[in-house]
Protein backbone atom coordinates (compact mmCIF):
# COMPACT_ATOMS: atom_id res chain seq x y z
CA MET A 1 0.04 -0.05 0.19
CA ARG A 2 1.53 3.59 -0.67
CA LYS A 3 1.04 6.38 1.81
CA THR A 4 -0.69 9.26 0.85
CA VAL A 5 -0.04 11.69 3.61
CA VAL A 6 2.53 14.42 3.46
CA ARG A 7 3.86 16.16 5.68
CA LEU A 8 5.93 19.45 5.65
CA ASN A 9 8.75 21.13 7.54
CA VAL A 10 9.40 24.91 7.98
CA ASP A 11 12.36 25.90 9.76
CA LEU A 12 12.63 29.91 10.45
CA THR A 13 14.22 32.67 11.61
CA VAL A 14 12.47 35.95 12.71
CA LYS A 15 13.75 39.36 12.20
CA ASP A 16 14.77 41.42 15.10
CA SER A 17 11.75 43.82 16.14
CA GLN A 18 9.08 41.62 14.00
CA LEU A 19 8.16 38.81 16.76
CA ASP A 20 4.60 40.17 17.75
CA GLU A 21 3.61 41.30 13.60
CA PHE A 22 5.29 37.34 13.29
CA LYS A 23 2.89 35.39 15.72
CA LYS A 24 0.19 37.08 14.61
CA VAL A 25 0.31 36.20 10.99
CA ALA A 26 1.25 32.62 12.31
CA LEU A 27 -1.96 32.97 14.24
CA ALA A 28 -3.92 33.95 11.10
CA MET A 29 -1.77 31.29 9.24
CA THR A 30 -3.26 28.55 11.16
CA ALA A 31 -6.60 30.17 11.45
CA GLY A 32 -6.89 29.50 7.75
CA SER A 33 -6.13 26.46 7.74
CA GLU A 34 -8.21 25.22 10.00
CA TRP A 35 -10.73 24.84 7.62
CA GLU A 36 -9.40 23.85 4.64
CA GLN A 37 -10.38 19.94 3.86
CA GLY A 38 -7.72 17.50 3.69
CA THR A 39 -5.21 20.03 6.22
CA LEU A 40 -4.56 17.05 9.11
CA GLY A 41 -2.32 19.52 11.63
CA TYR A 42 -0.59 22.21 11.08
CA GLU A 43 1.33 23.38 14.03
CA TRP A 44 3.77 26.04 14.83
CA PHE A 45 6.65 25.39 17.78
CA SER A 46 9.64 28.34 19.03
CA SER A 47 12.78 28.73 20.31
CA ALA A 48 12.57 29.84 23.77
CA ASP A 49 14.38 33.60 22.69
CA GLY A 50 11.04 33.21 20.22
CA ARG A 51 13.48 33.40 17.24
CA GLN A 52 13.76 29.88 15.84
CA TRP A 53 10.48 28.70 14.83
CA ARG A 54 9.01 25.40 13.13
CA LEU A 55 5.87 25.16 11.30
CA LEU A 56 5.03 21.38 11.27
CA GLU A 57 2.10 20.72 8.96
CA ILE A 58 0.12 17.39 8.59
CA TYR A 59 -2.02 16.67 4.89
CA ALA A 60 -4.34 14.16 4.00
CA ASP A 61 -2.68 13.71 0.37
CA ALA A 62 -1.11 15.55 -2.58
CA ALA A 63 -4.57 17.52 -3.34
CA ALA A 64 -4.96 18.48 -0.10
CA VAL A 65 -1.26 20.16 -0.15
CA LEU A 66 -2.00 21.51 -3.33
CA ALA A 67 -5.03 23.14 -2.42
CA HIS A 68 -3.37 24.58 0.51
CA PHE A 69 -0.60 25.96 -1.79
CA LYS A 70 -3.40 27.88 -4.21
CA GLY A 71 -5.43 28.95 -1.22
CA PRO A 72 -5.83 32.15 0.95
CA VAL A 73 -3.13 30.83 3.90
CA VAL A 74 -0.24 30.84 1.25
CA THR A 75 -1.45 33.37 -1.61
CA GLU A 76 -2.24 35.86 1.20
CA LEU A 77 -0.28 35.49 4.02
CA VAL A 78 3.03 33.40 3.13
CA PRO A 79 4.43 36.29 1.10
CA LYS A 80 3.46 38.80 4.62
CA LEU A 81 5.50 36.30 7.04
CA ALA A 82 8.38 36.13 4.32
CA ALA A 83 9.11 39.64 5.18
CA LEU A 84 8.94 39.27 8.99
CA CYS A 85 11.68 36.20 8.58
CA THR A 86 13.99 34.05 7.03
CA VAL A 87 13.23 30.35 5.66
CA ASP A 88 16.12 28.28 7.12
CA ARG A 89 14.67 24.71 6.07
CA PHE A 90 11.56 23.83 4.25
CA GLU A 91 11.60 20.03 3.50
CA ILE A 92 8.51 17.65 2.20
CA TYR A 93 8.08 14.22 3.15
CA GLY A 94 6.23 12.19 0.91
CA ASP A 95 4.40 12.64 -2.74
CA ALA A 96 3.50 16.44 -2.74
CA GLY A 97 2.58 16.01 -6.91
CA PRO A 98 4.47 18.09 -9.29
CA GLN A 99 2.68 21.30 -9.24
CA VAL A 100 3.38 21.81 -5.11
CA THR A 101 6.85 19.75 -5.82
CA GLN A 102 7.50 22.54 -8.26
CA MET A 103 6.35 25.72 -6.76
CA ALA A 104 8.23 24.40 -3.29
CA GLY A 105 11.16 23.97 -4.91
CA ALA A 106 11.26 27.53 -6.22
CA LEU A 107 11.36 27.98 -1.93
CA GLY A 108 14.11 25.75 -1.95
CA ALA A 109 12.25 22.86 -0.73
CA ARG A 110 14.15 19.39 -0.32
CA THR A 111 11.48 16.56 -0.86
CA PHE A 112 11.81 13.10 0.58
CA ALA A 113 10.19 10.17 -0.92
CA TYR A 114 8.22 8.01 1.41
CA THR A 115 10.53 4.61 2.03
CA ALA A 116 8.53 2.89 4.72
CA GLY A 117 7.43 3.16 8.33
CA LEU A 118 4.59 3.21 10.94
CA THR A 119 2.19 5.75 11.91
CA ARG A 120 -0.31 5.25 14.31
């Protein structure tokens, strides 16, 4: 059986004096993602000083990731977030489909194909 779940891992560093605005945009991105069909997880984690952030995203399949990339969270809010931070790492785990792979690749994302594993 082929695993269809797609995970994204994005590591970010917030620019000096941009933390409050960064948090506002991150919360808006989470709120927008909550209503996307096929978005299974969308979680932010931060370092103790608030400079380093990690966004973990989980999607049911490639179609769900594509819908997210074409939706307002990515088209409207990601550009706002990008002005407030730098992307240190962007990784995709699983088959996100050719469109997302190309779009994310333009942003420096690396894709890792699913090989084997266990999720409960």
